[in-house]
Amino acid sequence: MDRGRRHRLVRRLVGETAKEVSVSLAYTIIIGFFVGVIARFIYPGPQPMSWIWTILLGVGGAIVAGWGGQALNLYQPGEPASFVSSIIGAVVLLFIYNRMTGKK
């Protein structure tokens, strides 16, 4: 199998090009940052964390919201969570984090 044919086959199997993956990753990071900032604003008390942890909080909130939505049959497998449910998921993660570390 020649290289071009193999590349087309892999692209058909994967379904996304490298450019689409990088754009999707950048979109996830940007949305994760905004979700994390809003969740930190909603949750009472100071939340001293860096911007990287804020992004991870937002992305984690989207993952938690997706799993919870699938468990409640709100989302189908592979369907992304909504912006509002991602914020709720991030607030839940903040609550769990603060309880585990002993912060109020």
Protein backbone atom coordinates (compact mmCIF):
# COMPACT_ATOMS: atom_id res chain seq x y z
CA MET A 1 0.00 0.00 0.00
CA ASP A 2 1.52 3.32 -1.04
CA ARG A 3 1.88 6.19 1.42
CA GLY A 4 -0.86 8.41 -0.05
CA ARG A 5 -3.39 5.64 -0.03
CA ARG A 6 -2.51 4.72 3.55
CA HIS A 7 -2.85 8.39 4.59
CA ARG A 8 -6.32 8.60 3.04
CA LEU A 9 -7.33 5.38 4.75
CA VAL A 10 -6.12 6.60 8.15
CA ARG A 11 -7.88 9.94 7.66
CA ARG A 12 -11.10 8.16 6.75
CA LEU A 13 -10.82 5.91 9.82
CA VAL A 14 -9.92 8.72 12.21
CA GLY A 15 -12.23 11.25 10.59
CA GLU A 16 -10.23 14.34 11.45
CA THR A 17 -7.17 15.96 10.01
CA ALA A 18 -4.35 17.32 12.15
CA LYS A 19 -5.62 20.86 11.57
CA GLU A 20 -9.12 19.94 12.78
CA VAL A 21 -7.65 18.28 15.88
CA SER A 22 -5.50 21.31 16.72
CA VAL A 23 -8.43 23.70 16.23
CA SER A 24 -10.60 21.47 18.41
CA LEU A 25 -7.91 21.38 21.11
CA ALA A 26 -7.53 25.18 21.03
CA TYR A 27 -11.32 25.58 21.26
CA THR A 28 -11.42 23.19 24.23
CA ILE A 29 -8.69 25.13 26.05
CA ILE A 30 -10.35 28.52 25.45
CA ILE A 31 -13.80 27.32 26.49
CA GLY A 32 -12.25 25.47 29.46
CA PHE A 33 -10.63 28.71 30.62
CA PHE A 34 -13.93 30.61 30.52
CA VAL A 35 -15.81 27.78 32.23
CA GLY A 36 -13.13 27.64 34.95
CA VAL A 37 -13.20 31.40 35.50
CA ILE A 38 -17.00 31.45 35.78
CA ALA A 39 -16.97 28.46 38.15
CA ARG A 40 -14.37 30.16 40.35
CA PHE A 41 -16.50 33.33 40.35
CA ILE A 42 -19.65 31.40 41.35
CA TYR A 43 -18.04 29.29 44.08
CA PRO A 44 -17.84 31.26 47.36
CA GLY A 45 -14.50 32.11 48.91
CA PRO A 46 -11.08 32.71 47.41
CA GLN A 47 -9.84 30.20 44.86
CA PRO A 48 -6.08 30.72 44.54
CA MET A 49 -5.07 28.77 41.46
CA SER A 50 -3.06 29.49 38.34
CA TRP A 51 -4.57 29.96 34.91
CA ILE A 52 -3.45 26.46 33.92
CA TRP A 53 -5.42 24.96 36.82
CA THR A 54 -8.35 27.16 35.84
CA ILE A 55 -8.28 25.67 32.32
CA LEU A 56 -8.01 22.14 33.72
CA LEU A 57 -10.91 22.89 36.05
CA GLY A 58 -13.07 24.00 33.11
CA VAL A 59 -12.14 21.03 30.92
CA GLY A 60 -12.67 18.68 33.87
CA GLY A 61 -16.06 20.29 34.51
CA ALA A 62 -17.06 19.57 30.92
CA ILE A 63 -15.98 15.94 31.30
CA VAL A 64 -17.89 15.57 34.58
CA ALA A 65 -20.96 17.20 33.00
CA GLY A 66 -20.73 14.89 29.99
CA TRP A 67 -20.54 11.77 32.16
CA GLY A 68 -23.35 12.98 34.40
CA GLY A 69 -25.49 13.89 31.42
CA GLN A 70 -24.97 10.47 29.87
CA ALA A 71 -25.85 8.79 33.18
CA LEU A 72 -29.10 10.81 33.29
CA ASN A 73 -29.75 10.19 29.57
CA LEU A 74 -29.44 13.90 28.77
CA TYR A 75 -26.58 13.35 26.31
CA GLN A 76 -25.77 10.56 23.91
CA PRO A 77 -22.28 8.99 24.01
CA GLY A 78 -19.88 11.28 22.18
CA GLU A 79 -22.14 14.31 22.47
CA PRO A 80 -20.45 17.28 24.23
CA ALA A 81 -21.91 18.82 27.36
CA SER A 82 -23.47 22.28 27.19
CA PHE A 83 -21.70 25.39 28.46
CA VAL A 84 -23.98 25.74 31.50
CA SER A 85 -23.64 22.08 32.50
CA SER A 86 -19.86 22.40 32.11
CA ILE A 87 -19.90 25.27 34.61
CA ILE A 88 -21.99 23.18 37.01
CA GLY A 89 -19.52 20.30 36.61
CA ALA A 90 -16.60 22.65 37.33
CA VAL A 91 -18.33 23.97 40.48
CA VAL A 92 -18.82 20.36 41.61
CA LEU A 93 -15.11 19.71 41.04
CA LEU A 94 -14.23 22.83 43.07
CA PHE A 95 -16.48 21.63 45.89
CA ILE A 96 -14.83 18.19 45.89
CA TYR A 97 -11.35 19.71 45.74
CA ASN A 98 -12.04 22.08 48.63
CA ARG A 99 -13.48 19.28 50.77
CA MET A 100 -10.49 17.04 50.07
CA THR A 101 -7.94 19.73 50.90
CA GLY A 102 -9.83 20.99 53.96
CA LYS A 103 -10.53 24.45 52.52
CA LYS A 104 -13.91 26.05 53.08
